[in-house]
């Protein structure tokens, strides 16, 4: 599921240089080789804002939510940077089938640094603002749906490109998908999680790929005590056939805004 931290962030510098592919409309950033030559790729799984192709203008008769996509270039800019620096292909699938459930404006009130609290009335206001997105958050994009979309994309991608290795980078909502698929499938050879949706014990025990965590000090979804439990679950696999390498890094002074798009 999503958490309130999915819903905030800032616009990155730069403009996207990749393309929208014909594989479910996913964004593609070339790692310096042609798609057919590359042997490895990163799957960037976005937060709740998704990766909308900017086709509409502010004066469009269609929904203002689609206009929001004009500002949500961050996943594409990140994908371009990863492709440039890591010399591999990067794909950003559309997790929400063109309809991300919330807008940036709905969550502008969220704190951008550690230690800042919303308070009782702030939380009530946030609930009121997000309420119109209830269907999109909890029904149209429930776990089974977004996981299924992602698996379908991965199957199509591998059928065409046949990468030797796939890595996943998941941000918040997308981190939840990366965790679940990392535990229940064998698509990913490595996983990076940036303040993912809170996982269950069973998922952590079952995750199959080496995993690196990047956590803000103040995370709504995963409190310090829970993070210690998660680390203990990884450590408990030491000496067993199920052990995977892991790293958990906490960024002091950071709120989750720095880990979302």
C-alpha atoms as a PDB file:
ATOM      1  CA  UNK A   1       0.000   0.000   0.000  1.00  0.00           C
ATOM      2  CA  UNK A   2       1.020   3.651  -0.166  1.00  0.00           C
ATOM      3  CA  UNK A   3       1.873   5.831   2.798  1.00  0.00           C
ATOM      4  CA  UNK A   4       1.554   9.610   3.209  1.00  0.00           C
ATOM      5  CA  UNK A   5       5.223   9.999   2.292  1.00  0.00           C
ATOM      6  CA  UNK A   6       4.464   8.906  -1.263  1.00  0.00           C
ATOM      7  CA  UNK A   7       2.816  12.240  -1.796  1.00  0.00           C
ATOM      8  CA  UNK A   8       5.478  14.922  -1.608  1.00  0.00           C
ATOM      9  CA  UNK A   9       8.713  16.040  -3.223  1.00  0.00           C
ATOM     10  CA  UNK A  10      10.229  18.639  -5.539  1.00  0.00           C
ATOM     11  CA  UNK A  11      10.973  18.979  -9.239  1.00  0.00           C
ATOM     12  CA  UNK A  12      14.459  17.896 -10.329  1.00  0.00           C
ATOM     13  CA  UNK A  13      16.696  19.996 -12.562  1.00  0.00           C
ATOM     14  CA  UNK A  14      16.934  18.946 -16.192  1.00  0.00           C
ATOM     15  CA  UNK A  15      14.644  17.632 -18.893  1.00  0.00           C
ATOM     16  CA  UNK A  16      14.026  13.981 -19.837  1.00  0.00           C
ATOM     17  CA  UNK A  17      16.060  12.672 -22.762  1.00  0.00           C
ATOM     18  CA  UNK A  18      14.591   9.167 -23.047  1.00  0.00           C
ATOM     19  CA  UNK A  19      11.564   7.938 -24.943  1.00  0.00           C
ATOM     20  CA  UNK A  20       8.166   6.405 -24.286  1.00  0.00           C
ATOM     21  CA  UNK A  21       8.361   2.788 -25.414  1.00  0.00           C
ATOM     22  CA  UNK A  22       5.707   0.561 -26.936  1.00  0.00           C
ATOM     23  CA  UNK A  23       5.908  -1.798 -23.948  1.00  0.00           C
ATOM     24  CA  UNK A  24       2.903  -0.641 -21.928  1.00  0.00           C
ATOM     25  CA  UNK A  25       3.966   2.981 -22.379  1.00  0.00           C
ATOM     26  CA  UNK A  26       7.002   2.590 -20.122  1.00  0.00           C
ATOM     27  CA  UNK A  27       9.675   5.289 -20.184  1.00  0.00           C
ATOM     28  CA  UNK A  28      13.012   4.063 -21.580  1.00  0.00           C
ATOM     29  CA  UNK A  29      16.460   5.568 -20.972  1.00  0.00           C
ATOM     30  CA  UNK A  30      19.186   4.029 -23.114  1.00  0.00           C
ATOM     31  CA  UNK A  31      22.378   3.129 -21.313  1.00  0.00           C
ATOM     32  CA  UNK A  32      24.611   3.869 -24.279  1.00  0.00           C
ATOM     33  CA  UNK A  33      23.877   0.719 -26.252  1.00  0.00           C
ATOM     34  CA  UNK A  34      20.946  -0.182 -28.434  1.00  0.00           C
ATOM     35  CA  UNK A  35      18.108  -1.962 -26.645  1.00  0.00           C
ATOM     36  CA  UNK A  36      19.033  -5.235 -28.341  1.00  0.00           C
ATOM     37  CA  UNK A  37      22.690  -5.067 -27.197  1.00  0.00           C
ATOM     38  CA  UNK A  38      22.279  -4.231 -23.534  1.00  0.00           C
ATOM     39  CA  UNK A  39      22.578  -7.216 -21.202  1.00  0.00           C
ATOM     40  CA  UNK A  40      21.339  -5.623 -18.001  1.00  0.00           C
ATOM     41  CA  UNK A  41      18.669  -3.143 -17.007  1.00  0.00           C
ATOM     42  CA  UNK A  42      17.203  -1.290 -14.060  1.00  0.00           C
ATOM     43  CA  UNK A  43      13.472  -1.206 -13.416  1.00  0.00           C
ATOM     44  CA  UNK A  44      12.613   2.058 -11.660  1.00  0.00           C
ATOM     45  CA  UNK A  45       9.373   1.658  -9.704  1.00  0.00           C
ATOM     46  CA  UNK A  46       7.906   5.046  -8.886  1.00  0.00           C
ATOM     47  CA  UNK A  47       6.109   6.445  -5.902  1.00  0.00           C
ATOM     48  CA  UNK A  48       2.378   7.163  -5.977  1.00  0.00           C
ATOM     49  CA  UNK A  49       2.698   9.980  -8.560  1.00  0.00           C
ATOM     50  CA  UNK A  50       3.700   7.549 -11.293  1.00  0.00           C
ATOM     51  CA  UNK A  51       5.201   8.514 -14.652  1.00  0.00           C
ATOM     52  CA  UNK A  52       2.583  10.248 -16.825  1.00  0.00           C
ATOM     53  CA  UNK A  53       3.518  11.202 -20.360  1.00  0.00           C
ATOM     54  CA  UNK A  54       3.006  15.017 -20.673  1.00  0.00           C
ATOM     55  CA  UNK A  55       0.482  15.138 -23.495  1.00  0.00           C
ATOM     56  CA  UNK A  56      -2.036  17.611 -22.088  1.00  0.00           C
ATOM     57  CA  UNK A  57      -2.023  21.330 -21.429  1.00  0.00           C
ATOM     58  CA  UNK A  58      -3.423  23.178 -18.475  1.00  0.00           C
ATOM     59  CA  UNK A  59      -6.394  24.317 -20.543  1.00  0.00           C
ATOM     60  CA  UNK A  60      -7.300  20.792 -21.620  1.00  0.00           C
ATOM     61  CA  UNK A  61     -10.887  19.723 -21.042  1.00  0.00           C
ATOM     62  CA  UNK A  62      -9.534  16.530 -19.501  1.00  0.00           C
ATOM     63  CA  UNK A  63      -8.651  16.081 -15.860  1.00  0.00           C
ATOM     64  CA  UNK A  64      -6.282  18.360 -14.016  1.00  0.00           C
ATOM     65  CA  UNK A  65      -4.661  15.205 -12.676  1.00  0.00           C
ATOM     66  CA  UNK A  66      -3.304  14.504 -16.165  1.00  0.00           C
ATOM     67  CA  UNK A  67      -1.901  18.043 -16.267  1.00  0.00           C
ATOM     68  CA  UNK A  68       0.025  17.126 -13.143  1.00  0.00           C
ATOM     69  CA  UNK A  69       2.123  14.869 -15.328  1.00  0.00           C
ATOM     70  CA  UNK A  70       3.650  17.954 -16.931  1.00  0.00           C
ATOM     71  CA  UNK A  71       5.518  18.567 -13.685  1.00  0.00           C
ATOM     72  CA  UNK A  72       6.286  14.960 -12.828  1.00  0.00           C
ATOM     73  CA  UNK A  73       9.444  14.589 -14.848  1.00  0.00           C
ATOM     74  CA  UNK A  74      11.467  13.374 -11.857  1.00  0.00           C
ATOM     75  CA  UNK A  75      11.266   9.615 -12.556  1.00  0.00           C
ATOM     76  CA  UNK A  76      12.380  10.244 -16.127  1.00  0.00           C
ATOM     77  CA  UNK A  77      15.257  12.519 -15.121  1.00  0.00           C
ATOM     78  CA  UNK A  78      16.375   9.959 -12.538  1.00  0.00           C
ATOM     79  CA  UNK A  79      16.165   7.183 -15.127  1.00  0.00           C
ATOM     80  CA  UNK A  80      18.301   9.214 -17.524  1.00  0.00           C
ATOM     81  CA  UNK A  81      20.921   9.797 -14.824  1.00  0.00           C
ATOM     82  CA  UNK A  82      20.996   6.141 -13.800  1.00  0.00           C
ATOM     83  CA  UNK A  83      21.401   5.085 -17.436  1.00  0.00           C
ATOM     84  CA  UNK A  84      24.193   7.597 -18.000  1.00  0.00           C
ATOM     85  CA  UNK A  85      26.171   6.767 -14.877  1.00  0.00           C
ATOM     86  CA  UNK A  86      25.561   3.028 -14.643  1.00  0.00           C
ATOM     87  CA  UNK A  87      25.819   2.360 -18.392  1.00  0.00           C
ATOM     88  CA  UNK A  88      22.732   0.195 -18.500  1.00  0.00           C
ATOM     89  CA  UNK A  89      19.185   0.503 -19.757  1.00  0.00           C
ATOM     90  CA  UNK A  90      16.594   1.924 -17.376  1.00  0.00           C
ATOM     91  CA  UNK A  91      12.856   1.355 -17.653  1.00  0.00           C
ATOM     92  CA  UNK A  92      10.116   3.183 -15.757  1.00  0.00           C
ATOM     93  CA  UNK A  93       6.841   1.252 -16.070  1.00  0.00           C
ATOM     94  CA  UNK A  94       3.489   2.985 -15.720  1.00  0.00           C
ATOM     95  CA  UNK A  95       2.272   1.431 -12.484  1.00  0.00           C
ATOM     96  CA  UNK A  96      -1.138   3.132 -12.647  1.00  0.00           C
ATOM     97  CA  UNK A  97      -2.184   2.607 -16.277  1.00  0.00           C
ATOM     98  CA  UNK A  98      -2.093   6.342 -16.967  1.00  0.00           C
ATOM     99  CA  UNK A  99      -4.121   7.344 -13.906  1.00  0.00           C
ATOM    100  CA  UNK A 100      -1.958   8.045 -10.834  1.00  0.00           C
ATOM    101  CA  UNK A 101      -4.285   8.337  -7.847  1.00  0.00           C
ATOM    102  CA  UNK A 102      -3.081  11.603  -6.292  1.00  0.00           C
ATOM    103  CA  UNK A 103      -1.639  14.977  -7.250  1.00  0.00           C
ATOM    104  CA  UNK A 104       1.281  16.879  -5.786  1.00  0.00           C
ATOM    105  CA  UNK A 105      -1.027  19.597  -4.472  1.00  0.00           C
ATOM    106  CA  UNK A 106      -2.950  17.123  -2.339  1.00  0.00           C
ATOM    107  CA  UNK A 107       0.089  16.493  -0.180  1.00  0.00           C
ATOM    108  CA  UNK A 108       1.931  19.812  -0.142  1.00  0.00           C
ATOM    109  CA  UNK A 109       1.310  20.119   3.601  1.00  0.00           C
ATOM    110  CA  UNK A 110       3.541  17.175   4.491  1.00  0.00           C
ATOM    111  CA  UNK A 111       6.770  18.010   6.386  1.00  0.00           C
ATOM    112  CA  UNK A 112      10.008  18.072   4.416  1.00  0.00           C
ATOM    113  CA  UNK A 113      12.464  17.345   7.241  1.00  0.00           C
ATOM    114  CA  UNK A 114      12.791  15.155  10.294  1.00  0.00           C
ATOM    115  CA  UNK A 115      11.097  16.215  13.516  1.00  0.00           C
ATOM    116  CA  UNK A 116       8.290  18.269  11.968  1.00  0.00           C
ATOM    117  CA  UNK A 117       4.863  16.959  12.975  1.00  0.00           C
ATOM    118  CA  UNK A 118       1.502  17.549  11.341  1.00  0.00           C
ATOM    119  CA  UNK A 119      -0.473  17.515  14.549  1.00  0.00           C
ATOM    120  CA  UNK A 120      -4.031  16.322  15.018  1.00  0.00           C
ATOM    121  CA  UNK A 121      -5.713  18.947  12.840  1.00  0.00           C
ATOM    122  CA  UNK A 122      -3.031  18.631  10.174  1.00  0.00           C
ATOM    123  CA  UNK A 123      -3.708  14.919   9.925  1.00  0.00           C
ATOM    124  CA  UNK A 124      -7.463  15.555   9.690  1.00  0.00           C
ATOM    125  CA  UNK A 125      -6.884  18.072   6.906  1.00  0.00           C
ATOM    126  CA  UNK A 126      -4.670  15.626   5.041  1.00  0.00           C
ATOM    127  CA  UNK A 127      -7.329  12.907   5.264  1.00  0.00           C
ATOM    128  CA  UNK A 128      -9.950  15.334   3.942  1.00  0.00           C
ATOM    129  CA  UNK A 129      -7.722  16.379   1.024  1.00  0.00           C
ATOM    130  CA  UNK A 130      -6.846  12.794   0.060  1.00  0.00           C
ATOM    131  CA  UNK A 131     -10.388  11.423   0.445  1.00  0.00           C
ATOM    132  CA  UNK A 132     -11.337  12.050  -3.231  1.00  0.00           C
ATOM    133  CA  UNK A 133      -8.487   9.709  -4.209  1.00  0.00           C
ATOM    134  CA  UNK A 134      -9.740   6.817  -2.062  1.00  0.00           C
ATOM    135  CA  UNK A 135     -10.886   4.690  -5.023  1.00  0.00           C
ATOM    136  CA  UNK A 136      -7.643   5.141  -6.919  1.00  0.00           C
ATOM    137  CA  UNK A 137      -5.507   4.447  -3.871  1.00  0.00           C
ATOM    138  CA  UNK A 138      -7.242   1.456  -2.348  1.00  0.00           C
ATOM    139  CA  UNK A 139      -9.263  -0.161  -5.134  1.00  0.00           C
ATOM    140  CA  UNK A 140      -8.039   0.631  -8.648  1.00  0.00           C
ATOM    141  CA  UNK A 141      -4.406   0.371  -7.568  1.00  0.00           C
ATOM    142  CA  UNK A 142      -4.497  -2.183  -4.775  1.00  0.00           C
ATOM    143  CA  UNK A 143      -1.501  -4.488  -4.319  1.00  0.00           C
ATOM    144  CA  UNK A 144      -2.738  -7.317  -6.518  1.00  0.00           C
ATOM    145  CA  UNK A 145      -3.481  -4.927  -9.383  1.00  0.00           C
ATOM    146  CA  UNK A 146      -0.198  -3.001  -9.429  1.00  0.00           C
ATOM    147  CA  UNK A 147       1.836  -6.159  -8.839  1.00  0.00           C
ATOM    148  CA  UNK A 148       0.038  -7.790 -11.757  1.00  0.00           C
ATOM    149  CA  UNK A 149       0.710  -4.807 -14.020  1.00  0.00           C
ATOM    150  CA  UNK A 150       4.375  -4.861 -13.089  1.00  0.00           C
ATOM    151  CA  UNK A 151       4.735  -8.596 -13.687  1.00  0.00           C
ATOM    152  CA  UNK A 152       2.989  -8.257 -17.048  1.00  0.00           C
ATOM    153  CA  UNK A 153       5.421  -5.499 -18.015  1.00  0.00           C
ATOM    154  CA  UNK A 154       8.437  -7.564 -16.919  1.00  0.00           C
ATOM    155  CA  UNK A 155       7.249 -10.569 -18.915  1.00  0.00           C
ATOM    156  CA  UNK A 156       6.842  -8.471 -22.060  1.00  0.00           C
ATOM    157  CA  UNK A 157      10.189  -6.772 -21.496  1.00  0.00           C
ATOM    158  CA  UNK A 158      12.104 -10.010 -21.054  1.00  0.00           C
ATOM    159  CA  UNK A 159      10.334 -11.677 -23.955  1.00  0.00           C
ATOM    160  CA  UNK A 160      11.633  -8.919 -26.212  1.00  0.00           C
ATOM    161  CA  UNK A 161      14.978  -7.919 -24.692  1.00  0.00           C
ATOM    162  CA  UNK A 162      16.078 -11.004 -22.751  1.00  0.00           C
ATOM    163  CA  UNK A 163      18.272  -9.137 -20.277  1.00  0.00           C
ATOM    164  CA  UNK A 164      20.767 -11.253 -18.348  1.00  0.00           C
ATOM    165  CA  UNK A 165      20.199  -9.258 -15.168  1.00  0.00           C
ATOM    166  CA  UNK A 166      17.491  -6.955 -13.846  1.00  0.00           C
ATOM    167  CA  UNK A 167      17.815  -4.660 -10.872  1.00  0.00           C
ATOM    168  CA  UNK A 168      14.927  -2.836  -9.196  1.00  0.00           C
ATOM    169  CA  UNK A 169      14.933   0.602  -7.605  1.00  0.00           C
ATOM    170  CA  UNK A 170      11.698   1.235  -5.728  1.00  0.00           C
ATOM    171  CA  UNK A 171      10.560   4.515  -4.205  1.00  0.00           C
ATOM    172  CA  UNK A 172       7.872   4.365  -1.490  1.00  0.00           C
ATOM    173  CA  UNK A 173       4.851   2.799  -3.250  1.00  0.00           C
ATOM    174  CA  UNK A 174       7.183   1.327  -5.856  1.00  0.00           C
ATOM    175  CA  UNK A 175       9.426   0.067  -3.078  1.00  0.00           C
ATOM    176  CA  UNK A 176       6.514  -1.983  -1.811  1.00  0.00           C
ATOM    177  CA  UNK A 177       6.157  -3.556  -5.245  1.00  0.00           C
ATOM    178  CA  UNK A 178       9.901  -4.272  -5.403  1.00  0.00           C
ATOM    179  CA  UNK A 179       9.767  -5.951  -1.993  1.00  0.00           C
ATOM    180  CA  UNK A 180       6.765  -8.112  -2.836  1.00  0.00           C
ATOM    181  CA  UNK A 181       8.089  -9.195  -6.228  1.00  0.00           C
ATOM    182  CA  UNK A 182      11.542  -9.697  -4.744  1.00  0.00           C
ATOM    183  CA  UNK A 183      10.021 -12.158  -2.285  1.00  0.00           C
ATOM    184  CA  UNK A 184       7.570 -13.945  -4.573  1.00  0.00           C
ATOM    185  CA  UNK A 185       9.335 -13.968  -7.967  1.00  0.00           C
ATOM    186  CA  UNK A 186      12.867 -14.279  -9.323  1.00  0.00           C
ATOM    187  CA  UNK A 187      12.840 -11.325 -11.717  1.00  0.00           C
ATOM    188  CA  UNK A 188      15.250  -9.118  -9.770  1.00  0.00           C
ATOM    189  CA  UNK A 189      18.945  -9.825  -9.218  1.00  0.00           C
ATOM    190  CA  UNK A 190      19.339  -6.836  -6.891  1.00  0.00           C
ATOM    191  CA  UNK A 191      16.995  -4.377  -5.207  1.00  0.00           C
ATOM    192  CA  UNK A 192      17.305  -0.830  -3.863  1.00  0.00           C
ATOM    193  CA  UNK A 193      14.517   0.418  -1.593  1.00  0.00           C
ATOM    194  CA  UNK A 194      14.039   4.109  -0.812  1.00  0.00           C
ATOM    195  CA  UNK A 195      11.637   4.296   2.158  1.00  0.00           C
ATOM    196  CA  UNK A 196       9.426   1.493   0.821  1.00  0.00           C
ATOM    197  CA  UNK A 197       5.903   0.729   1.931  1.00  0.00           C
ATOM    198  CA  UNK A 198       6.189  -1.138   5.219  1.00  0.00           C
ATOM    199  CA  UNK A 199       6.878  -4.850   4.544  1.00  0.00           C
ATOM    200  CA  UNK A 200       5.701  -7.820   6.565  1.00  0.00           C
ATOM    201  CA  UNK A 201       8.093 -10.168   8.339  1.00  0.00           C
ATOM    202  CA  UNK A 202       7.290 -12.899   5.829  1.00  0.00           C
ATOM    203  CA  UNK A 203       8.327 -10.713   2.904  1.00  0.00           C
ATOM    204  CA  UNK A 204      11.678  -9.861   4.483  1.00  0.00           C
ATOM    205  CA  UNK A 205      12.314 -13.522   5.255  1.00  0.00           C
ATOM    206  CA  UNK A 206      11.487 -14.506   1.671  1.00  0.00           C
ATOM    207  CA  UNK A 207      13.206 -11.777  -0.348  1.00  0.00           C
ATOM    208  CA  UNK A 208      15.553 -13.462  -2.817  1.00  0.00           C
ATOM    209  CA  UNK A 209      17.894 -10.700  -3.991  1.00  0.00           C
ATOM    210  CA  UNK A 210      20.599  -8.590  -2.313  1.00  0.00           C
ATOM    211  CA  UNK A 211      18.866  -5.489  -0.986  1.00  0.00           C
ATOM    212  CA  UNK A 212      20.029  -1.978  -0.099  1.00  0.00           C
ATOM    213  CA  UNK A 213      17.774   0.294   1.943  1.00  0.00           C
ATOM    214  CA  UNK A 214      17.876   4.103   1.991  1.00  0.00           C
ATOM    215  CA  UNK A 215      15.758   5.365   4.862  1.00  0.00           C
ATOM    216  CA  UNK A 216      15.096   8.894   6.123  1.00  0.00           C
ATOM    217  CA  UNK A 217      15.411   9.448   9.842  1.00  0.00           C
ATOM    218  CA  UNK A 218      11.745  10.400  10.073  1.00  0.00           C
ATOM    219  CA  UNK A 219       9.669   7.927   8.059  1.00  0.00           C
ATOM    220  CA  UNK A 220       5.905   7.734   8.547  1.00  0.00           C
ATOM    221  CA  UNK A 221       5.691   4.153   7.392  1.00  0.00           C
ATOM    222  CA  UNK A 222       8.685   2.511   9.088  1.00  0.00           C
ATOM    223  CA  UNK A 223       9.653   3.752  12.544  1.00  0.00           C
ATOM    224  CA  UNK A 224      13.170   3.173  13.980  1.00  0.00           C
ATOM    225  CA  UNK A 225      12.024   0.248  16.130  1.00  0.00           C
ATOM    226  CA  UNK A 226      10.490  -1.461  13.108  1.00  0.00           C
ATOM    227  CA  UNK A 227      13.631  -0.845  11.069  1.00  0.00           C
ATOM    228  CA  UNK A 228      15.642  -2.603  13.771  1.00  0.00           C
ATOM    229  CA  UNK A 229      13.265  -5.560  13.525  1.00  0.00           C
ATOM    230  CA  UNK A 230      13.709  -5.654   9.758  1.00  0.00           C
ATOM    231  CA  UNK A 231      17.491  -5.628  10.103  1.00  0.00           C
ATOM    232  CA  UNK A 232      17.255  -8.462  12.641  1.00  0.00           C
ATOM    233  CA  UNK A 233      15.201 -10.505  10.166  1.00  0.00           C
ATOM    234  CA  UNK A 234      17.928 -10.124   7.552  1.00  0.00           C
ATOM    235  CA  UNK A 235      20.624 -10.949  10.100  1.00  0.00           C
ATOM    236  CA  UNK A 236      18.682 -14.031  11.172  1.00  0.00           C
ATOM    237  CA  UNK A 237      19.288 -15.518   7.735  1.00  0.00           C
ATOM    238  CA  UNK A 238      23.069 -15.524   8.277  1.00  0.00           C
ATOM    239  CA  UNK A 239      24.564 -18.968   7.750  1.00  0.00           C
ATOM    240  CA  UNK A 240      21.460 -20.252   5.970  1.00  0.00           C
ATOM    241  CA  UNK A 241      20.906 -21.063   2.323  1.00  0.00           C
ATOM    242  CA  UNK A 242      18.356 -18.247   2.239  1.00  0.00           C
ATOM    243  CA  UNK A 243      20.833 -15.529   3.257  1.00  0.00           C
ATOM    244  CA  UNK A 244      21.086 -12.476   0.988  1.00  0.00           C
ATOM    245  CA  UNK A 245      23.427  -9.522   1.299  1.00  0.00           C
ATOM    246  CA  UNK A 246      21.748  -6.437   2.690  1.00  0.00           C
ATOM    247  CA  UNK A 247      22.504  -2.866   3.716  1.00  0.00           C
ATOM    248  CA  UNK A 248      20.303  -0.442   5.623  1.00  0.00           C
ATOM    249  CA  UNK A 249      21.382   3.205   5.702  1.00  0.00           C
ATOM    250  CA  UNK A 250      19.487   5.890   7.611  1.00  0.00           C
ATOM    251  CA  UNK A 251      19.924   9.510   6.527  1.00  0.00           C
ATOM    252  CA  UNK A 252      19.871  11.643   9.646  1.00  0.00           C
ATOM    253  CA  UNK A 253      17.864  14.852   9.603  1.00  0.00           C
ATOM    254  CA  UNK A 254      15.895  13.815   6.536  1.00  0.00           C
ATOM    255  CA  UNK A 255      12.166  13.570   6.165  1.00  0.00           C
ATOM    256  CA  UNK A 256      10.645  11.407   3.495  1.00  0.00           C
ATOM    257  CA  UNK A 257      10.268  14.278   1.038  1.00  0.00           C
ATOM    258  CA  UNK A 258      13.907  13.720   0.060  1.00  0.00           C
ATOM    259  CA  UNK A 259      13.195  10.102  -0.845  1.00  0.00           C
ATOM    260  CA  UNK A 260      10.127  10.658  -3.011  1.00  0.00           C
ATOM    261  CA  UNK A 261       9.550  12.161  -6.409  1.00  0.00           C
END
